[in-house]
Amino acid sequence: MNRAKYIVGTAKILQAKPGGGEKWLASLRTRELPEVIEALCTLPGVGPKVAACVALFSLDQNHAIPVDTHVWKV
C-alpha cells in the first residue's frame, strides 16, 4: 500500500483549510467524538481507525477507541 499519495493529498487539503490545517485540527478538540471522526475521515487515506488514533493521541479525545479492522474477523 502506497501511503505517500495520501500524505501529499492530506497536506494539500489541510493547507487549503481556512486558517490552515493547524487551526482546523485544533478546532476539532472542542467537538464531540463522532463529529471529529467524521471530519477526519474526509481526509484522503483516513478511515475510522486512523481517525480514532488521531482523536485519541492528538485531539484530547480520551474516550476514542481505535479498532483495527482485523478485530471484526475474530
C-alpha atoms as a PDB file:
ATOM      1  CA  MET A   1       0.000   0.000   0.000  1.00  0.00           C
ATOM      2  CA  ASN A   2       1.400   3.370  -1.000  1.00  0.00           C
ATOM      3  CA  ARG A   3       0.533   5.846   1.713  1.00  0.00           C
ATOM      4  CA  ALA A   4       2.723   8.602   0.276  1.00  0.00           C
ATOM      5  CA  LYS A   5      -0.047   9.727  -2.068  1.00  0.00           C
ATOM      6  CA  TYR A   6      -2.377  10.097   0.913  1.00  0.00           C
ATOM      7  CA  ILE A   7       0.156  12.149   2.849  1.00  0.00           C
ATOM      8  CA  VAL A   8       0.627  14.569  -0.029  1.00  0.00           C
ATOM      9  CA  GLY A   9      -3.117  14.833  -0.651  1.00  0.00           C
ATOM     10  CA  THR A  10      -3.896  15.360   3.008  1.00  0.00           C
ATOM     11  CA  ALA A  11      -1.200  18.016   3.344  1.00  0.00           C
ATOM     12  CA  LYS A  12      -2.666  19.931   0.397  1.00  0.00           C
ATOM     13  CA  ILE A  13      -6.182  19.729   1.808  1.00  0.00           C
ATOM     14  CA  LEU A  14      -5.040  20.877   5.238  1.00  0.00           C
ATOM     15  CA  GLN A  15      -3.128  23.810   3.762  1.00  0.00           C
ATOM     16  CA  ALA A  16      -6.282  24.882   1.930  1.00  0.00           C
ATOM     17  CA  LYS A  17      -8.440  24.931   5.083  1.00  0.00           C
ATOM     18  CA  PRO A  18      -9.404  28.406   6.328  1.00  0.00           C
ATOM     19  CA  GLY A  19      -6.697  29.413   8.771  1.00  0.00           C
ATOM     20  CA  GLY A  20      -4.619  26.437   7.708  1.00  0.00           C
ATOM     21  CA  GLY A  21      -4.593  22.839   8.804  1.00  0.00           C
ATOM     22  CA  GLU A  22      -3.246  23.544  12.262  1.00  0.00           C
ATOM     23  CA  LYS A  23      -6.196  25.771  13.109  1.00  0.00           C
ATOM     24  CA  TRP A  24      -8.683  23.291  11.644  1.00  0.00           C
ATOM     25  CA  LEU A  25      -7.203  20.374  13.551  1.00  0.00           C
ATOM     26  CA  ALA A  26      -7.114  22.385  16.779  1.00  0.00           C
ATOM     27  CA  SER A  27     -10.793  23.227  16.311  1.00  0.00           C
ATOM     28  CA  LEU A  28     -11.602  19.518  16.419  1.00  0.00           C
ATOM     29  CA  ARG A  29     -10.557  19.389  20.076  1.00  0.00           C
ATOM     30  CA  THR A  30     -13.778  21.100  21.123  1.00  0.00           C
ATOM     31  CA  ARG A  31     -16.122  18.900  19.088  1.00  0.00           C
ATOM     32  CA  GLU A  32     -17.874  15.680  20.018  1.00  0.00           C
ATOM     33  CA  LEU A  33     -16.064  12.473  19.059  1.00  0.00           C
ATOM     34  CA  PRO A  34     -18.452  11.363  16.273  1.00  0.00           C
ATOM     35  CA  GLU A  35     -18.060  14.751  14.595  1.00  0.00           C
ATOM     36  CA  VAL A  36     -14.268  14.559  14.962  1.00  0.00           C
ATOM     37  CA  ILE A  37     -14.160  11.087  13.403  1.00  0.00           C
ATOM     38  CA  GLU A  38     -16.409  12.213  10.555  1.00  0.00           C
ATOM     39  CA  ALA A  39     -14.277  15.290   9.870  1.00  0.00           C
ATOM     40  CA  LEU A  40     -11.013  13.362   9.917  1.00  0.00           C
ATOM     41  CA  CYS A  41     -12.426  10.680   7.620  1.00  0.00           C
ATOM     42  CA  THR A  42     -12.869  13.315   4.914  1.00  0.00           C
ATOM     43  CA  LEU A  43      -9.087  13.365   4.528  1.00  0.00           C
ATOM     44  CA  PRO A  44      -7.531  11.027   1.932  1.00  0.00           C
ATOM     45  CA  GLY A  45      -6.486   7.685   3.364  1.00  0.00           C
ATOM     46  CA  VAL A  46      -8.059   8.322   6.760  1.00  0.00           C
ATOM     47  CA  GLY A  47     -10.554   5.731   7.902  1.00  0.00           C
ATOM     48  CA  PRO A  48     -12.257   5.186  11.242  1.00  0.00           C
ATOM     49  CA  LYS A  49      -9.232   3.574  12.924  1.00  0.00           C
ATOM     50  CA  VAL A  50      -6.744   6.262  11.902  1.00  0.00           C
ATOM     51  CA  ALA A  51      -9.279   8.953  12.778  1.00  0.00           C
ATOM     52  CA  ALA A  52      -9.755   7.421  16.218  1.00  0.00           C
ATOM     53  CA  CYS A  53      -5.976   7.244  16.717  1.00  0.00           C
ATOM     54  CA  VAL A  54      -5.582  10.917  15.812  1.00  0.00           C
ATOM     55  CA  ALA A  55      -8.518  11.836  18.031  1.00  0.00           C
ATOM     56  CA  LEU A  56      -7.117   9.862  20.958  1.00  0.00           C
ATOM     57  CA  PHE A  57      -3.457  10.789  20.737  1.00  0.00           C
ATOM     58  CA  SER A  58      -3.589  14.306  19.288  1.00  0.00           C
ATOM     59  CA  LEU A  59      -7.003  15.845  19.905  1.00  0.00           C
ATOM     60  CA  ASP A  60      -7.634  15.130  23.588  1.00  0.00           C
ATOM     61  CA  GLN A  61     -10.459  12.704  22.822  1.00  0.00           C
ATOM     62  CA  ASN A  62      -9.564  10.315  25.646  1.00  0.00           C
ATOM     63  CA  HIS A  63     -12.654   8.195  25.089  1.00  0.00           C
ATOM     64  CA  ALA A  64     -11.776   7.341  21.467  1.00  0.00           C
ATOM     65  CA  ILE A  65     -11.074   3.646  20.964  1.00  0.00           C
ATOM     66  CA  PRO A  66      -9.211   2.759  17.771  1.00  0.00           C
ATOM     67  CA  VAL A  67     -10.334  -0.638  16.496  1.00  0.00           C
ATOM     68  CA  ASP A  68      -8.353  -2.496  13.864  1.00  0.00           C
ATOM     69  CA  THR A  69     -10.448  -3.950  11.064  1.00  0.00           C
ATOM     70  CA  HIS A  70      -8.983  -7.391  11.746  1.00  0.00           C
ATOM     71  CA  VAL A  71     -10.673  -7.458  15.152  1.00  0.00           C
ATOM     72  CA  TRP A  72     -14.019  -7.946  13.443  1.00  0.00           C
ATOM     73  CA  LYS A  73     -12.719 -11.137  11.778  1.00  0.00           C
ATOM     74  CA  VAL A  74     -12.113 -12.860  15.111  1.00  0.00           C
END
